[in-house]
Amino acid sequence: MAKNPVLTTRVLLICAAVGVATGLVSAGAGYISVPVSAALPVLYGLVLGSHVLPGIVAQSLLRVPGVALITHVLAALVSSAFAPAWVLRYLGTALLIGGIQEGITALGRYRHWGLGRFLISAVIVGVILGVPIAFAVDLDRFELWARILYLAMFIIGPVIWTIIGARIGIALRRAGVVTRA
């Protein structure tokens, strides 16, 4: 057995705490997404972008492999408790976004934890979510400016939420949430 396992009990407990907090945010985003889609559909990408939070907070705080995916799944389970009808959506989104965040970090061999790396994953998430949803909602029914704004929000939303999540993770790190034994 390794002397310093990466996924220690402490790391897993921090993932759980972050998962609960961000799962509550995701549950709230799930509930407001319906009225936003109906009343101001061009802002839907901004709401959906909040789903990047679990992995970004966990990665910027802990800086170890696997925490984005673990925290996303835990957040999805918390969100599902508040909206059981959306359990598959939450879990699918968790696996997709957590997998992207882990994949981008793995490409850097888990050595680069800067905001730039987080923003790359945010843009990729925005494109992967935005393109199929744009086809599903029939963008042709919107005027050109609304189509552009709709698609832009799928990039801007994850980027804004990524910046927020990274700042939260860094603030928690500075506050001493992660300390060496």
Protein backbone atom coordinates (compact mmCIF):
# COMPACT_ATOMS: atom_id res chain seq x y z
CA MET A 1 0.00 0.00 0.00
CA ALA A 2 1.28 3.47 -0.87
CA LYS A 3 2.46 5.74 1.92
CA ASN A 4 0.50 8.76 0.65
CA PRO A 5 -2.63 7.63 -1.16
CA VAL A 6 -4.11 10.48 -3.19
CA LEU A 7 -7.72 9.79 -2.25
CA THR A 8 -7.37 9.88 1.50
CA THR A 9 -10.33 9.98 3.85
CA ARG A 10 -9.72 13.70 4.28
CA VAL A 11 -9.83 14.28 0.49
CA LEU A 12 -13.01 12.21 0.15
CA LEU A 13 -14.69 14.09 3.01
CA ILE A 14 -13.80 17.42 1.39
CA CYS A 15 -15.20 16.12 -1.92
CA ALA A 16 -18.38 15.19 -0.07
CA ALA A 17 -18.70 18.64 1.53
CA VAL A 18 -18.09 20.39 -1.79
CA GLY A 19 -20.49 17.94 -3.47
CA VAL A 20 -23.27 18.76 -1.01
CA ALA A 21 -22.83 22.53 -1.34
CA THR A 22 -22.58 22.51 -5.12
CA GLY A 23 -25.32 19.89 -5.39
CA LEU A 24 -27.66 22.36 -3.73
CA VAL A 25 -26.65 24.96 -6.32
CA SER A 26 -27.28 22.44 -9.10
CA ALA A 27 -30.69 21.57 -7.68
CA GLY A 28 -31.57 25.25 -7.63
CA ALA A 29 -30.30 25.68 -11.18
CA GLY A 30 -32.42 22.71 -12.23
CA TYR A 31 -35.54 24.29 -10.82
CA ILE A 32 -34.96 27.74 -12.29
CA SER A 33 -33.96 26.34 -15.69
CA VAL A 34 -37.59 25.62 -16.56
CA PRO A 35 -38.88 29.19 -16.04
CA VAL A 36 -35.70 30.68 -17.54
CA SER A 37 -36.11 28.49 -20.64
CA ALA A 38 -39.71 29.62 -20.96
CA ALA A 39 -39.33 33.32 -20.19
CA LEU A 40 -35.73 34.15 -21.20
CA PRO A 41 -34.42 31.20 -23.22
CA VAL A 42 -31.31 33.09 -24.35
CA LEU A 43 -30.05 32.91 -20.73
CA TYR A 44 -30.40 29.13 -20.39
CA GLY A 45 -26.68 28.56 -21.03
CA LEU A 46 -25.85 30.85 -18.13
CA VAL A 47 -27.99 28.73 -15.79
CA LEU A 48 -26.71 25.43 -17.18
CA GLY A 49 -23.12 26.63 -16.81
CA SER A 50 -23.45 26.40 -13.02
CA HIS A 51 -23.03 22.64 -13.34
CA VAL A 52 -19.25 23.10 -13.72
CA LEU A 53 -18.95 24.16 -10.06
CA PRO A 54 -18.40 20.82 -8.29
CA GLY A 55 -15.32 19.83 -10.26
CA ILE A 56 -13.77 23.27 -10.44
CA VAL A 57 -14.13 23.94 -6.72
CA ALA A 58 -12.74 20.48 -5.90
CA GLN A 59 -9.83 20.70 -8.33
CA SER A 60 -8.79 24.22 -7.39
CA LEU A 61 -9.03 23.33 -3.70
CA LEU A 62 -7.53 19.84 -3.59
CA ARG A 63 -5.33 19.60 -6.71
CA VAL A 64 -5.34 15.81 -6.88
CA PRO A 65 -6.51 13.38 -9.58
CA GLY A 66 -10.09 12.15 -9.54
CA VAL A 67 -11.67 14.80 -7.34
CA ALA A 68 -13.65 16.49 -10.13
CA LEU A 69 -15.44 13.31 -11.11
CA ILE A 70 -16.04 12.16 -7.52
CA THR A 71 -17.38 15.56 -6.47
CA HIS A 72 -19.61 15.82 -9.55
CA VAL A 73 -21.20 12.43 -8.84
CA LEU A 74 -21.79 13.35 -5.19
CA ALA A 75 -23.29 16.71 -6.23
CA ALA A 76 -25.56 14.89 -8.70
CA LEU A 77 -26.80 12.58 -5.96
CA VAL A 78 -27.56 15.58 -3.73
CA SER A 79 -29.36 17.38 -6.57
CA SER A 80 -31.32 14.23 -7.33
CA ALA A 81 -32.63 14.15 -3.78
CA PHE A 82 -34.34 17.48 -4.48
CA ALA A 83 -35.46 16.61 -8.01
CA PRO A 84 -35.71 12.80 -8.31
CA ALA A 85 -37.29 13.02 -11.74
CA TRP A 86 -34.01 14.46 -13.07
CA VAL A 87 -31.67 11.86 -11.56
CA LEU A 88 -30.46 10.64 -14.97
CA ARG A 89 -29.90 14.21 -16.19
CA TYR A 90 -27.91 15.09 -13.09
CA LEU A 91 -25.83 11.91 -13.23
CA GLY A 92 -25.26 12.19 -16.98
CA THR A 93 -24.22 15.82 -16.65
CA ALA A 94 -21.94 14.93 -13.72
CA LEU A 95 -20.19 12.20 -15.70
CA LEU A 96 -19.88 14.37 -18.80
CA ILE A 97 -18.60 17.55 -17.14
CA GLY A 98 -16.54 15.75 -14.49
CA GLY A 99 -15.01 13.59 -17.20
CA ILE A 100 -14.11 16.62 -19.29
CA GLN A 101 -12.57 18.40 -16.31
CA GLU A 102 -10.58 15.30 -15.33
CA GLY A 103 -9.55 14.68 -18.93
CA ILE A 104 -8.19 18.18 -19.47
CA THR A 105 -6.29 17.99 -16.19
CA ALA A 106 -4.97 14.51 -17.04
CA LEU A 107 -3.59 15.85 -20.33
CA GLY A 108 -1.40 18.11 -18.21
CA ARG A 109 -0.46 15.09 -16.10
CA TYR A 110 -2.16 16.68 -13.09
CA ARG A 111 0.57 19.31 -12.84
CA HIS A 112 -1.23 22.46 -13.98
CA TRP A 113 -3.93 23.90 -11.75
CA GLY A 114 -4.15 27.44 -13.08
CA LEU A 115 -7.26 29.29 -14.15
CA GLY A 116 -6.32 28.94 -17.83
CA ARG A 117 -6.65 25.15 -17.66
CA PHE A 118 -10.00 25.46 -15.93
CA LEU A 119 -11.20 27.90 -18.60
CA ILE A 120 -10.24 25.48 -21.37
CA SER A 121 -12.50 22.84 -19.83
CA ALA A 122 -15.26 25.46 -19.41
CA VAL A 123 -15.22 26.35 -23.11
CA ILE A 124 -15.22 22.67 -24.10
CA VAL A 125 -18.17 22.02 -21.76
CA GLY A 126 -20.00 24.99 -23.27
CA VAL A 127 -19.54 23.75 -26.82
CA ILE A 128 -20.43 20.14 -25.99
CA LEU A 129 -23.61 21.20 -24.19
CA GLY A 130 -24.55 24.13 -26.41
CA VAL A 131 -24.45 22.57 -29.86
CA PRO A 132 -26.86 19.66 -29.31
CA ILE A 133 -29.19 21.78 -27.18
CA ALA A 134 -29.23 24.45 -29.91
CA PHE A 135 -30.45 21.82 -32.38
CA ALA A 136 -33.03 20.54 -29.90
CA VAL A 137 -34.60 23.96 -29.26
CA ASP A 138 -34.89 24.92 -32.93
CA LEU A 139 -32.84 28.10 -32.94
CA ASP A 140 -34.35 29.17 -36.25
CA ARG A 141 -37.39 30.42 -34.34
CA PHE A 142 -35.21 33.18 -32.80
CA GLU A 143 -33.96 36.34 -34.44
CA LEU A 144 -30.28 36.38 -35.40
CA TRP A 145 -29.16 38.40 -32.35
CA ALA A 146 -30.98 35.96 -30.04
CA ARG A 147 -29.38 32.94 -31.74
CA ILE A 148 -25.94 34.45 -31.28
CA LEU A 149 -26.65 35.36 -27.65
CA TYR A 150 -28.14 31.91 -26.97
CA LEU A 151 -25.01 30.15 -28.23
CA ALA A 152 -22.67 32.66 -26.58
CA MET A 153 -24.30 32.03 -23.20
CA PHE A 154 -23.33 28.36 -23.43
CA ILE A 155 -19.69 29.49 -23.48
CA ILE A 156 -20.02 32.52 -21.20
CA GLY A 157 -22.05 30.62 -18.57
CA PRO A 158 -19.50 27.88 -17.88
CA VAL A 159 -16.66 30.43 -18.04
CA ILE A 160 -18.31 32.70 -15.44
CA TRP A 161 -19.16 29.77 -13.16
CA THR A 162 -15.63 28.40 -13.59
CA ILE A 163 -14.14 31.69 -12.45
CA ILE A 164 -16.50 31.72 -9.46
CA GLY A 165 -15.68 28.08 -8.63
CA ALA A 166 -11.93 28.62 -8.92
CA ARG A 167 -12.14 31.63 -6.63
CA ILE A 168 -14.13 29.62 -4.08
CA GLY A 169 -11.60 26.79 -4.20
CA ILE A 170 -8.66 29.17 -3.83
CA ALA A 171 -10.38 31.00 -0.94
CA LEU A 172 -11.02 27.69 0.83
CA ARG A 173 -7.40 26.70 0.26
CA ARG A 174 -6.18 29.99 1.73
CA ALA A 175 -8.54 29.55 4.68
CA GLY A 176 -6.73 26.31 5.51
CA VAL A 177 -9.32 23.73 4.46
CA VAL A 178 -6.48 21.74 2.91
CA THR A 179 -3.53 21.35 5.23
CA ARG A 180 -0.75 18.82 5.31
CA ALA A 181 -0.74 16.41 8.23
